[in-house]
Amino acid sequence: MSNPRILLIGPPGAGKGTQSKRIVETYGVEHITTGDALRANKDMETEFGKPREYMDKGELVPDPVVNEIVVAALEDAEGFVLDGYPRNEAQAEYLDDQTDLDIVALLDVGRDELVKRLTGRRVDPETGENYHVEYDMPTDEAVRDRLEQRDDDTEEVVVDRLDVYDENTKPLIEFYEGRDLLTRVDGDQTPDEVWHDLRLAIEDALVDE
């Protein structure tokens, strides 16, 4: 079956971006993220104002505004992989009222592995290219020498981000488990192994429709 409706959840560093790209390439669906949807619809009128009014001030865009923007993006998509939304149970309940999901896939990665992945990331300030001190370093010595660690990839910040994720996402996991939609995928594996298991889970969900 084509045009699956997939929600991909997982902590920072779990590989959601990598796996979303593969889903898009395989199934021809839209990749919808909260950030992209908000940036593309900064001036969309909602009951609570335009997203731009909050974004330009560096403020958190309120749930009702995010809800309307994301659902508008979903309505324009034949199928989708949703990444970064919902972030809390209230958003999940709103989404549940607006669309039917075929599968919610949780990329399950251990805390130690996440910290290693995130703190090991390095960026080339000249090109913006991302690397990793353990998994993916450039062969060019000049490039290696100028790599920098982003401020939000220090261990202290990473641990804080993971704590926030744990606090917000546990209710989501319970929410979707209660609706028999959640499938856990071992995200500690290599990207190819994760994709193998994820694709099998998606295919099983589509067959069960």
N, C-alpha and C. Protein backbone atom coordinates (compact mmCIF):
# COMPACT_ATOMS: atom_id res chain seq x y z
N MET A 1 0.85 -1.19 0.00
CA MET A 1 0.00 0.00 0.00
C MET A 1 0.89 1.25 0.00
N SER A 2 0.43 2.27 -0.65
CA SER A 2 1.23 3.49 -0.77
C SER A 2 0.72 4.56 0.19
N ASN A 3 1.44 5.66 0.21
CA ASN A 3 1.06 6.84 1.00
C ASN A 3 0.85 6.53 2.49
N PRO A 4 1.82 5.88 3.13
CA PRO A 4 1.68 5.62 4.56
C PRO A 4 1.73 6.91 5.37
N ARG A 5 1.12 6.88 6.54
CA ARG A 5 1.12 8.01 7.47
C ARG A 5 1.89 7.55 8.70
N ILE A 6 3.12 8.06 8.81
CA ILE A 6 4.08 7.55 9.80
C ILE A 6 4.48 8.65 10.76
N LEU A 7 4.46 8.34 12.03
CA LEU A 7 5.01 9.24 13.05
C LEU A 7 6.28 8.59 13.58
N LEU A 8 7.38 9.34 13.48
CA LEU A 8 8.68 8.86 13.95
C LEU A 8 9.07 9.64 15.19
N ILE A 9 9.26 8.94 16.30
CA ILE A 9 9.66 9.61 17.52
C ILE A 9 10.95 8.98 18.05
N GLY A 10 11.65 9.76 18.85
CA GLY A 10 12.91 9.29 19.40
C GLY A 10 13.69 10.47 19.93
N PRO A 11 14.66 10.22 20.79
CA PRO A 11 15.43 11.29 21.41
C PRO A 11 16.38 11.96 20.44
N PRO A 12 16.92 13.13 20.81
CA PRO A 12 17.97 13.75 19.99
C PRO A 12 19.11 12.77 19.79
N GLY A 13 19.58 12.64 18.55
CA GLY A 13 20.68 11.72 18.28
C GLY A 13 20.24 10.32 17.92
N ALA A 14 18.93 10.09 17.87
CA ALA A 14 18.44 8.73 17.58
C ALA A 14 18.52 8.38 16.10
N GLY A 15 18.64 9.40 15.25
CA GLY A 15 18.72 9.13 13.81
C GLY A 15 17.42 9.34 13.07
N LYS A 16 16.53 10.16 13.63
CA LYS A 16 15.23 10.37 12.98
C LYS A 16 15.38 11.01 11.60
N GLY A 17 16.30 11.95 11.47
CA GLY A 17 16.50 12.61 10.19
C GLY A 17 16.97 11.64 9.12
N THR A 18 17.93 10.80 9.49
CA THR A 18 18.45 9.80 8.54
C THR A 18 17.36 8.84 8.09
N GLN A 19 16.58 8.33 9.03
CA GLN A 19 15.55 7.36 8.69
C GLN A 19 14.37 8.02 7.97
N SER A 20 14.08 9.28 8.30
CA SER A 20 13.01 9.99 7.59
C SER A 20 13.33 10.11 6.11
N LYS A 21 14.59 10.41 5.79
CA LYS A 21 15.01 10.53 4.39
C LYS A 21 14.78 9.21 3.66
N ARG A 22 15.07 8.11 4.32
CA ARG A 22 14.88 6.81 3.68
C ARG A 22 13.40 6.51 3.47
N ILE A 23 12.59 6.90 4.42
CA ILE A 23 11.14 6.71 4.27
C ILE A 23 10.63 7.51 3.08
N VAL A 24 11.08 8.76 2.98
CA VAL A 24 10.66 9.62 1.86
C VAL A 24 11.07 9.00 0.53
N GLU A 25 12.32 8.53 0.45
CA GLU A 25 12.83 7.95 -0.80
C GLU A 25 12.09 6.66 -1.17
N THR A 26 11.73 5.87 -0.16
CA THR A 26 11.12 4.57 -0.42
C THR A 26 9.63 4.68 -0.73
N TYR A 27 8.93 5.54 0.01
CA TYR A 27 7.47 5.59 -0.12
C TYR A 27 6.95 6.84 -0.84
N GLY A 28 7.83 7.78 -1.14
CA GLY A 28 7.41 8.97 -1.87
C GLY A 28 6.48 9.87 -1.09
N VAL A 29 6.64 9.90 0.24
CA VAL A 29 5.78 10.73 1.09
C VAL A 29 6.48 12.02 1.48
N GLU A 30 5.74 12.93 2.08
CA GLU A 30 6.30 14.20 2.55
C GLU A 30 6.99 14.00 3.90
N HIS A 31 8.12 14.70 4.09
CA HIS A 31 8.78 14.74 5.39
C HIS A 31 8.34 16.04 6.07
N ILE A 32 7.59 15.92 7.13
CA ILE A 32 7.03 17.09 7.80
C ILE A 32 7.63 17.22 9.20
N THR A 33 8.30 18.34 9.44
CA THR A 33 8.83 18.63 10.76
C THR A 33 8.19 19.91 11.27
N THR A 34 8.15 20.06 12.57
CA THR A 34 7.55 21.26 13.16
C THR A 34 8.26 22.51 12.67
N GLY A 35 9.60 22.47 12.70
CA GLY A 35 10.38 23.64 12.30
C GLY A 35 10.12 24.05 10.86
N ASP A 36 10.14 23.06 9.95
CA ASP A 36 9.91 23.36 8.54
C ASP A 36 8.51 23.90 8.31
N ALA A 37 7.52 23.29 8.99
CA ALA A 37 6.13 23.73 8.81
C ALA A 37 5.95 25.16 9.30
N LEU A 38 6.57 25.49 10.42
CA LEU A 38 6.45 26.85 10.96
C LEU A 38 7.15 27.86 10.05
N ARG A 39 8.35 27.51 9.59
CA ARG A 39 9.08 28.44 8.72
C ARG A 39 8.34 28.68 7.40
N ALA A 40 7.69 27.64 6.90
CA ALA A 40 6.98 27.76 5.63
C ALA A 40 5.65 28.50 5.77
N ASN A 41 5.18 28.62 6.99
CA ASN A 41 3.86 29.25 7.21
C ASN A 41 3.93 30.32 8.29
N LYS A 42 5.02 31.09 8.28
CA LYS A 42 5.22 32.12 9.31
C LYS A 42 4.05 33.10 9.39
N ASP A 43 3.43 33.37 8.26
CA ASP A 43 2.41 34.41 8.21
C ASP A 43 1.00 33.86 8.13
N MET A 44 0.85 32.56 8.41
CA MET A 44 -0.49 31.98 8.41
C MET A 44 -1.29 32.49 9.60
N GLU A 45 -2.49 32.96 9.33
CA GLU A 45 -3.35 33.48 10.39
C GLU A 45 -3.98 32.34 11.17
N THR A 46 -3.84 32.37 12.50
CA THR A 46 -4.50 31.41 13.37
C THR A 46 -5.27 32.19 14.43
N GLU A 47 -6.06 31.47 15.18
CA GLU A 47 -6.84 32.12 16.24
C GLU A 47 -5.94 32.83 17.26
N PHE A 48 -4.70 32.37 17.36
CA PHE A 48 -3.76 32.92 18.35
C PHE A 48 -2.66 33.75 17.70
N GLY A 49 -2.89 34.20 16.49
CA GLY A 49 -1.92 35.03 15.80
C GLY A 49 -1.05 34.24 14.84
N LYS A 50 -0.09 34.93 14.23
CA LYS A 50 0.82 34.31 13.27
C LYS A 50 2.05 33.73 13.98
N PRO A 51 2.58 32.63 13.46
CA PRO A 51 3.81 32.09 14.03
C PRO A 51 4.94 33.11 14.08
N ARG A 52 5.02 33.98 13.06
CA ARG A 52 6.09 34.97 12.99
C ARG A 52 6.12 35.85 14.24
N GLU A 53 4.95 36.14 14.82
CA GLU A 53 4.88 37.03 15.98
C GLU A 53 5.66 36.44 17.17
N TYR A 54 5.73 35.14 17.25
CA TYR A 54 6.46 34.48 18.34
C TYR A 54 7.90 34.20 17.93
N MET A 55 8.08 33.73 16.68
CA MET A 55 9.40 33.32 16.22
C MET A 55 10.37 34.49 16.16
N ASP A 56 9.88 35.65 15.72
CA ASP A 56 10.75 36.82 15.61
C ASP A 56 11.24 37.31 16.97
N LYS A 57 10.48 36.98 18.01
CA LYS A 57 10.87 37.37 19.37
C LYS A 57 11.67 36.28 20.06
N GLY A 58 11.85 35.16 19.37
CA GLY A 58 12.57 34.04 19.98
C GLY A 58 11.74 33.32 21.02
N GLU A 59 10.43 33.49 20.95
CA GLU A 59 9.54 32.86 21.94
C GLU A 59 9.06 31.50 21.43
N LEU A 60 8.67 30.65 22.37
CA LEU A 60 8.11 29.35 22.02
C LEU A 60 6.74 29.56 21.39
N VAL A 61 6.52 28.97 20.23
CA VAL A 61 5.23 29.10 19.56
C VAL A 61 4.21 28.26 20.34
N PRO A 62 3.07 28.84 20.74
CA PRO A 62 2.10 28.11 21.56
C PRO A 62 1.53 26.88 20.85
N ASP A 63 1.15 25.89 21.64
CA ASP A 63 0.61 24.65 21.09
C ASP A 63 -0.51 24.86 20.07
N PRO A 64 -1.51 25.72 20.36
CA PRO A 64 -2.61 25.87 19.39
C PRO A 64 -2.15 26.34 18.02
N VAL A 65 -1.12 27.20 17.99
CA VAL A 65 -0.59 27.68 16.72
C VAL A 65 0.16 26.56 16.01
N VAL A 66 1.00 25.86 16.75
CA VAL A 66 1.75 24.74 16.17
C VAL A 66 0.77 23.69 15.63
N ASN A 67 -0.27 23.40 16.39
CA ASN A 67 -1.26 22.41 15.97
C ASN A 67 -1.84 22.76 14.61
N GLU A 68 -2.29 23.99 14.45
CA GLU A 68 -2.93 24.40 13.20
C GLU A 68 -1.96 24.34 12.03
N ILE A 69 -0.72 24.78 12.27
CA ILE A 69 0.28 24.80 11.20
C ILE A 69 0.61 23.38 10.74
N VAL A 70 0.85 22.49 11.69
CA VAL A 70 1.23 21.12 11.33
C VAL A 70 0.08 20.40 10.64
N VAL A 71 -1.12 20.55 11.16
CA VAL A 71 -2.27 19.87 10.54
C VAL A 71 -2.53 20.40 9.14
N ALA A 72 -2.30 21.69 8.92
CA ALA A 72 -2.43 22.25 7.57
C ALA A 72 -1.44 21.59 6.63
N ALA A 73 -0.22 21.34 7.11
CA ALA A 73 0.80 20.68 6.28
C ALA A 73 0.40 19.23 5.99
N LEU A 74 -0.19 18.56 6.97
CA LEU A 74 -0.62 17.18 6.77
C LEU A 74 -1.73 17.08 5.75
N GLU A 75 -2.62 18.06 5.74
CA GLU A 75 -3.76 18.03 4.82
C GLU A 75 -3.31 18.13 3.37
N ASP A 76 -2.16 18.76 3.14
CA ASP A 76 -1.64 18.92 1.78
C ASP A 76 -0.80 17.73 1.32
N ALA A 77 -0.59 16.77 2.21
CA ALA A 77 0.29 15.63 1.90
C ALA A 77 -0.52 14.38 1.60
N GLU A 78 -0.11 13.65 0.55
CA GLU A 78 -0.75 12.38 0.22
C GLU A 78 -0.41 11.32 1.28
N GLY A 79 0.81 11.37 1.74
CA GLY A 79 1.29 10.52 2.82
C GLY A 79 2.41 11.28 3.48
N PHE A 80 2.86 10.85 4.65
CA PHE A 80 3.87 11.65 5.35
C PHE A 80 4.64 10.83 6.37
N VAL A 81 5.82 11.35 6.69
CA VAL A 81 6.54 10.93 7.89
C VAL A 81 6.66 12.19 8.73
N LEU A 82 6.11 12.13 9.91
CA LEU A 82 6.04 13.28 10.81
C LEU A 82 7.14 13.14 11.85
N ASP A 83 7.94 14.19 12.00
CA ASP A 83 9.14 14.13 12.83
C ASP A 83 9.22 15.42 13.66
N GLY A 84 9.20 15.29 14.99
CA GLY A 84 9.31 16.46 15.85
C GLY A 84 7.99 16.96 16.38
N TYR A 85 6.90 16.32 16.02
CA TYR A 85 5.55 16.65 16.49
C TYR A 85 4.77 15.35 16.52
N PRO A 86 3.98 15.13 17.54
CA PRO A 86 3.73 15.96 18.73
C PRO A 86 4.88 15.87 19.74
N ARG A 87 4.98 16.93 20.56
CA ARG A 87 6.01 16.99 21.61
C ARG A 87 5.44 16.72 23.00
N ASN A 88 4.12 16.68 23.12
CA ASN A 88 3.50 16.43 24.42
C ASN A 88 2.16 15.76 24.19
N GLU A 89 1.54 15.33 25.28
CA GLU A 89 0.30 14.56 25.17
C GLU A 89 -0.85 15.41 24.62
N ALA A 90 -0.88 16.69 24.96
CA ALA A 90 -1.95 17.56 24.44
C ALA A 90 -1.89 17.64 22.92
N GLN A 91 -0.67 17.78 22.38
CA GLN A 91 -0.52 17.82 20.92
C GLN A 91 -0.90 16.46 20.32
N ALA A 92 -0.56 15.37 21.01
CA ALA A 92 -0.89 14.03 20.50
C ALA A 92 -2.40 13.84 20.43
N GLU A 93 -3.10 14.33 21.43
CA GLU A 93 -4.56 14.21 21.44
C GLU A 93 -5.17 15.02 20.30
N TYR A 94 -4.63 16.21 20.06
CA TYR A 94 -5.11 17.03 18.95
C TYR A 94 -4.87 16.32 17.62
N LEU A 95 -3.66 15.79 17.44
CA LEU A 95 -3.33 15.09 16.20
C LEU A 95 -4.24 13.88 16.01
N ASP A 96 -4.53 13.18 17.09
CA ASP A 96 -5.38 11.99 17.03
C ASP A 96 -6.78 12.34 16.51
N ASP A 97 -7.25 13.54 16.81
CA ASP A 97 -8.57 13.98 16.35
C ASP A 97 -8.56 14.40 14.88
N GLN A 98 -7.35 14.70 14.35
CA GLN A 98 -7.25 15.28 13.02
C GLN A 98 -6.88 14.28 11.92
N THR A 99 -6.16 13.24 12.27
CA THR A 99 -5.70 12.29 11.25
C THR A 99 -5.49 10.92 11.85
N ASP A 100 -5.51 9.91 10.99
CA ASP A 100 -5.23 8.54 11.41
C ASP A 100 -3.81 8.17 11.02
N LEU A 101 -3.06 7.65 11.97
CA LEU A 101 -1.69 7.22 11.71
C LEU A 101 -1.67 5.72 11.44
N ASP A 102 -0.77 5.32 10.55
CA ASP A 102 -0.60 3.89 10.28
C ASP A 102 0.33 3.26 11.31
N ILE A 103 1.34 4.02 11.73
CA ILE A 103 2.32 3.48 12.67
C ILE A 103 3.02 4.62 13.39
N VAL A 104 3.33 4.39 14.65
CA VAL A 104 4.20 5.28 15.42
C VAL A 104 5.45 4.47 15.74
N ALA A 105 6.57 4.86 15.15
CA ALA A 105 7.82 4.12 15.34
C ALA A 105 8.73 4.87 16.30
N LEU A 106 9.11 4.22 17.37
CA LEU A 106 10.02 4.79 18.36
C LEU A 106 11.42 4.25 18.13
N LEU A 107 12.35 5.15 17.79
CA LEU A 107 13.75 4.75 17.67
C LEU A 107 14.34 4.75 19.08
N ASP A 108 14.53 3.57 19.60
CA ASP A 108 14.91 3.38 21.00
C ASP A 108 16.43 3.28 21.11
N VAL A 109 17.05 4.27 21.75
CA VAL A 109 18.51 4.31 21.87
C VAL A 109 18.88 4.54 23.33
N GLY A 110 19.89 3.82 23.82
CA GLY A 110 20.32 3.98 25.21
C GLY A 110 20.94 5.34 25.48
N ARG A 111 20.84 5.78 26.71
CA ARG A 111 21.32 7.11 27.09
C ARG A 111 22.83 7.27 26.82
N ASP A 112 23.64 6.29 27.18
CA ASP A 112 25.09 6.40 26.98
C ASP A 112 25.43 6.56 25.50
N GLU A 113 24.75 5.81 24.65
CA GLU A 113 24.99 5.90 23.21
C GLU A 113 24.59 7.27 22.67
N LEU A 114 23.48 7.80 23.16
CA LEU A 114 23.03 9.12 22.71
C LEU A 114 24.04 10.20 23.08
N VAL A 115 24.54 10.15 24.31
CA VAL A 115 25.52 11.14 24.76
C VAL A 115 26.78 11.04 23.89
N LYS A 116 27.21 9.82 23.58
CA LYS A 116 28.41 9.64 22.76
C LYS A 116 28.19 10.20 21.36
N ARG A 117 27.02 9.92 20.79
CA ARG A 117 26.73 10.42 19.44
C ARG A 117 26.70 11.95 19.40
N LEU A 118 26.01 12.54 20.36
CA LEU A 118 25.78 13.99 20.32
C LEU A 118 27.03 14.79 20.70
N THR A 119 27.75 14.34 21.73
CA THR A 119 28.93 15.09 22.15
C THR A 119 30.09 14.90 21.17
N GLY A 120 30.01 13.87 20.35
CA GLY A 120 31.08 13.61 19.38
C GLY A 120 30.89 14.33 18.06
N ARG A 121 29.78 15.01 17.89
CA ARG A 121 29.54 15.72 16.64
C ARG A 121 30.46 16.93 16.52
N ARG A 122 30.93 17.17 15.31
CA ARG A 122 31.75 18.34 15.02
C ARG A 122 31.29 18.95 13.70
N VAL A 123 31.44 20.27 13.59
CA VAL A 123 31.00 20.97 12.39
C VAL A 123 32.16 21.73 11.77
N ASP A 124 32.20 21.74 10.46
CA ASP A 124 33.18 22.53 9.73
C ASP A 124 32.63 23.94 9.59
N PRO A 125 33.23 24.94 10.24
CA PRO A 125 32.67 26.30 10.21
C PRO A 125 32.69 26.93 8.81
N GLU A 126 33.51 26.39 7.93
CA GLU A 126 33.59 26.96 6.58
C GLU A 126 32.53 26.41 5.63
N THR A 127 32.16 25.16 5.83
CA THR A 127 31.19 24.54 4.91
C THR A 127 29.86 24.19 5.56
N GLY A 128 29.86 24.11 6.92
CA GLY A 128 28.64 23.69 7.62
C GLY A 128 28.47 22.19 7.65
N GLU A 129 29.42 21.46 7.07
CA GLU A 129 29.35 20.00 7.03
C GLU A 129 29.54 19.43 8.43
N ASN A 130 28.75 18.39 8.75
CA ASN A 130 28.84 17.75 10.06
C ASN A 130 29.67 16.47 9.99
N TYR A 131 30.43 16.24 11.06
CA TYR A 131 31.26 15.04 11.17
C TYR A 131 31.09 14.47 12.58
N HIS A 132 31.80 13.38 12.84
CA HIS A 132 31.77 12.78 14.18
C HIS A 132 33.16 12.25 14.50
N VAL A 133 33.61 12.52 15.72
CA VAL A 133 34.99 12.17 16.09
C VAL A 133 35.25 10.67 16.05
N GLU A 134 34.19 9.86 16.20
CA GLU A 134 34.38 8.41 16.23
C GLU A 134 33.92 7.74 14.95
N TYR A 135 32.80 8.21 14.39
CA TYR A 135 32.19 7.50 13.28
C TYR A 135 32.50 8.08 11.90
N ASP A 136 32.82 9.36 11.83
CA ASP A 136 32.90 9.99 10.50
C ASP A 136 33.76 11.24 10.54
N MET A 137 35.09 11.04 10.44
CA MET A 137 36.01 12.17 10.40
C MET A 137 36.51 12.39 8.98
N PRO A 138 36.73 13.65 8.58
CA PRO A 138 37.24 13.92 7.22
C PRO A 138 38.68 13.42 7.07
N THR A 139 39.03 13.08 5.85
CA THR A 139 40.39 12.61 5.59
C THR A 139 41.37 13.79 5.45
N ASP A 140 40.84 14.95 5.10
CA ASP A 140 41.67 16.14 4.93
C ASP A 140 42.09 16.67 6.30
N GLU A 141 43.40 16.69 6.56
CA GLU A 141 43.91 17.12 7.87
C GLU A 141 43.55 18.57 8.17
N ALA A 142 43.55 19.43 7.15
CA ALA A 142 43.21 20.85 7.35
C ALA A 142 41.77 20.99 7.80
N VAL A 143 40.88 20.17 7.24
CA VAL A 143 39.46 20.20 7.64
C VAL A 143 39.33 19.70 9.07
N ARG A 144 40.03 18.61 9.39
CA ARG A 144 39.97 18.06 10.75
C ARG A 144 40.40 19.10 11.78
N ASP A 145 41.44 19.86 11.45
CA ASP A 145 41.99 20.83 12.41
C ASP A 145 41.03 21.98 12.70
N ARG A 146 40.15 22.30 11.77
CA ARG A 146 39.26 23.45 12.00
C ARG A 146 37.86 23.06 12.49
N LEU A 147 37.63 21.80 12.69
CA LEU A 147 36.32 21.37 13.17
C LEU A 147 36.04 21.92 14.56
N GLU A 148 34.77 22.24 14.80
CA GLU A 148 34.35 22.80 16.07
C GLU A 148 33.18 22.02 16.64
N GLN A 149 33.07 22.07 17.96
CA GLN A 149 31.91 21.49 18.64
C GLN A 149 30.88 22.58 18.86
N ARG A 150 29.64 22.32 18.48
CA ARG A 150 28.58 23.31 18.69
C ARG A 150 28.29 23.44 20.18
N ASP A 151 27.85 24.62 20.57
CA ASP A 151 27.56 24.87 21.98
C ASP A 151 26.52 23.90 22.54
N ASP A 152 25.55 23.52 21.70
CA ASP A 152 24.49 22.63 22.20
C ASP A 152 24.88 21.16 22.13
N ASP A 153 26.15 20.87 21.79
CA ASP A 153 26.62 19.48 21.78
C ASP A 153 27.59 19.18 22.93
N THR A 154 27.73 20.14 23.88
CA THR A 154 28.53 19.85 25.05
C THR A 154 27.76 18.87 25.94
N GLU A 155 28.48 18.13 26.78
CA GLU A 155 27.81 17.09 27.56
C GLU A 155 26.74 17.65 28.47
N GLU A 156 26.99 18.79 29.10
CA GLU A 156 26.00 19.38 30.01
C GLU A 156 24.70 19.70 29.29
N VAL A 157 24.82 20.31 28.12
CA VAL A 157 23.63 20.67 27.36
C VAL A 157 22.93 19.43 26.83
N VAL A 158 23.70 18.47 26.36
CA VAL A 158 23.13 17.23 25.84
C VAL A 158 22.32 16.51 26.91
N VAL A 159 22.87 16.39 28.10
CA VAL A 159 22.16 15.72 29.20
C VAL A 159 20.86 16.45 29.52
N ASP A 160 20.90 17.78 29.53
CA ASP A 160 19.68 18.56 29.78
C ASP A 160 18.64 18.30 28.70
N ARG A 161 19.07 18.27 27.44
CA ARG A 161 18.14 18.01 26.33
C ARG A 161 17.50 16.63 26.45
N LEU A 162 18.29 15.66 26.84
CA LEU A 162 17.77 14.30 26.98
C LEU A 162 16.79 14.20 28.16
N ASP A 163 17.08 14.95 29.23
CA ASP A 163 16.16 14.96 30.38
C ASP A 163 14.81 15.55 29.98
N VAL A 164 14.85 16.63 29.22
CA VAL A 164 13.60 17.26 28.75
C VAL A 164 12.84 16.30 27.85
N TYR A 165 13.57 15.62 26.97
CA TYR A 165 12.93 14.64 26.10
C TYR A 165 12.25 13.54 26.91
N ASP A 166 12.97 12.99 27.88
CA ASP A 166 12.41 11.92 28.70
C ASP A 166 11.12 12.37 29.39
N GLU A 167 11.15 13.59 29.92
CA GLU A 167 10.00 14.11 30.66
C GLU A 167 8.78 14.28 29.74
N ASN A 168 9.02 14.79 28.54
CA ASN A 168 7.91 15.08 27.62
C ASN A 168 7.43 13.85 26.86
N THR A 169 8.32 12.91 26.61
CA THR A 169 7.99 11.83 25.69
C THR A 169 7.40 10.61 26.37
N LYS A 170 7.70 10.39 27.62
CA LYS A 170 7.13 9.22 28.31
C LYS A 170 5.60 9.17 28.19
N PRO A 171 4.89 10.28 28.42
CA PRO A 171 3.43 10.24 28.23
C PRO A 171 3.03 9.93 26.79
N LEU A 172 3.83 10.38 25.81
CA LEU A 172 3.53 10.08 24.41
C LEU A 172 3.62 8.58 24.14
N ILE A 173 4.66 7.96 24.69
CA ILE A 173 4.84 6.52 24.49
C ILE A 173 3.64 5.76 25.06
N GLU A 174 3.22 6.14 26.26
CA GLU A 174 2.07 5.50 26.88
C GLU A 174 0.80 5.76 26.08
N PHE A 175 0.67 6.99 25.55
CA PHE A 175 -0.50 7.38 24.75
C PHE A 175 -0.64 6.47 23.52
N TYR A 176 0.45 6.28 22.80
CA TYR A 176 0.37 5.49 21.56
C TYR A 176 0.39 3.99 21.82
N GLU A 177 1.02 3.57 22.92
CA GLU A 177 0.92 2.16 23.30
C GLU A 177 -0.54 1.81 23.60
N GLY A 178 -1.24 2.72 24.24
CA GLY A 178 -2.65 2.49 24.56
C GLY A 178 -3.53 2.38 23.35
N ARG A 179 -3.07 2.91 22.22
CA ARG A 179 -3.82 2.83 20.96
C ARG A 179 -3.27 1.76 20.02
N ASP A 180 -2.36 0.93 20.53
CA ASP A 180 -1.76 -0.17 19.75
C ASP A 180 -1.12 0.33 18.46
N LEU A 181 -0.50 1.50 18.51
CA LEU A 181 0.14 2.07 17.33
C LEU A 181 1.66 2.05 17.44
N LEU A 182 2.19 1.91 18.65
CA LEU A 182 3.63 2.08 18.87
C LEU A 182 4.42 0.82 18.55
N THR A 183 5.48 1.00 17.79
CA THR A 183 6.45 -0.07 17.52
C THR A 183 7.82 0.43 17.92
N ARG A 184 8.53 -0.33 18.73
CA ARG A 184 9.88 0.04 19.15
C ARG A 184 10.90 -0.56 18.18
N VAL A 185 11.81 0.29 17.72
CA VAL A 185 12.87 -0.14 16.83
C VAL A 185 14.20 0.10 17.54
N ASP A 186 15.07 -0.90 17.54
CA ASP A 186 16.36 -0.80 18.23
C ASP A 186 17.25 0.20 17.49
N GLY A 187 17.36 1.41 18.04
CA GLY A 187 18.15 2.46 17.41
C GLY A 187 19.62 2.42 17.74
N ASP A 188 20.05 1.46 18.56
CA ASP A 188 21.48 1.30 18.88
C ASP A 188 22.25 0.65 17.74
N GLN A 189 21.52 0.14 16.74
CA GLN A 189 22.15 -0.55 15.62
C GLN A 189 22.73 0.46 14.61
N THR A 190 23.36 -0.07 13.59
CA THR A 190 23.84 0.78 12.50
C THR A 190 22.64 1.36 11.76
N PRO A 191 22.81 2.48 11.05
CA PRO A 191 21.69 3.05 10.29
C PRO A 191 21.04 2.06 9.33
N ASP A 192 21.84 1.21 8.67
CA ASP A 192 21.28 0.22 7.74
C ASP A 192 20.44 -0.82 8.49
N GLU A 193 20.93 -1.24 9.66
CA GLU A 193 20.18 -2.23 10.44
C GLU A 193 18.89 -1.62 10.99
N VAL A 194 18.96 -0.37 11.42
CA VAL A 194 17.76 0.31 11.90
C VAL A 194 16.74 0.40 10.77
N TRP A 195 17.20 0.78 9.57
CA TRP A 195 16.29 0.91 8.44
C TRP A 195 15.64 -0.43 8.09
N HIS A 196 16.41 -1.51 8.15
CA HIS A 196 15.86 -2.84 7.87
C HIS A 196 14.69 -3.13 8.81
N ASP A 197 14.89 -2.91 10.10
CA ASP A 197 13.84 -3.20 11.08
C ASP A 197 12.67 -2.22 10.96
N LEU A 198 12.98 -0.97 10.70
CA LEU A 198 11.94 0.05 10.57
C LEU A 198 11.06 -0.22 9.36
N ARG A 199 11.68 -0.57 8.25
CA ARG A 199 10.88 -0.84 7.04
C ARG A 199 9.98 -2.05 7.24
N LEU A 200 10.50 -3.09 7.90
CA LEU A 200 9.67 -4.26 8.19
C LEU A 200 8.46 -3.86 9.04
N ALA A 201 8.69 -3.00 10.03
CA ALA A 201 7.60 -2.56 10.91
C ALA A 201 6.56 -1.77 10.12
N ILE A 202 7.02 -0.92 9.21
CA ILE A 202 6.10 -0.12 8.39
C ILE A 202 5.27 -1.05 7.48
N GLU A 203 5.94 -1.99 6.85
CA GLU A 203 5.24 -2.91 5.95
C GLU A 203 4.21 -3.73 6.71
N ASP A 204 4.56 -4.20 7.90
CA ASP A 204 3.62 -4.96 8.72
C ASP A 204 2.40 -4.11 9.08
N ALA A 205 2.64 -2.84 9.41
CA ALA A 205 1.54 -1.96 9.79
C ALA A 205 0.61 -1.72 8.61
N LEU A 206 1.15 -1.59 7.42
CA LEU A 206 0.33 -1.34 6.23
C LEU A 206 -0.48 -2.57 5.86
N VAL A 207 0.12 -3.75 6.04
CA VAL A 207 -0.61 -4.99 5.74
C VAL A 207 -1.77 -5.17 6.71
N ASP A 208 -1.59 -4.73 7.96
CA ASP A 208 -2.62 -4.92 8.99
C ASP A 208 -3.76 -3.93 8.86
N GLU A 209 -3.65 -2.94 7.97
CA GLU A 209 -4.69 -1.91 7.85
C GLU A 209 -6.04 -2.52 7.51
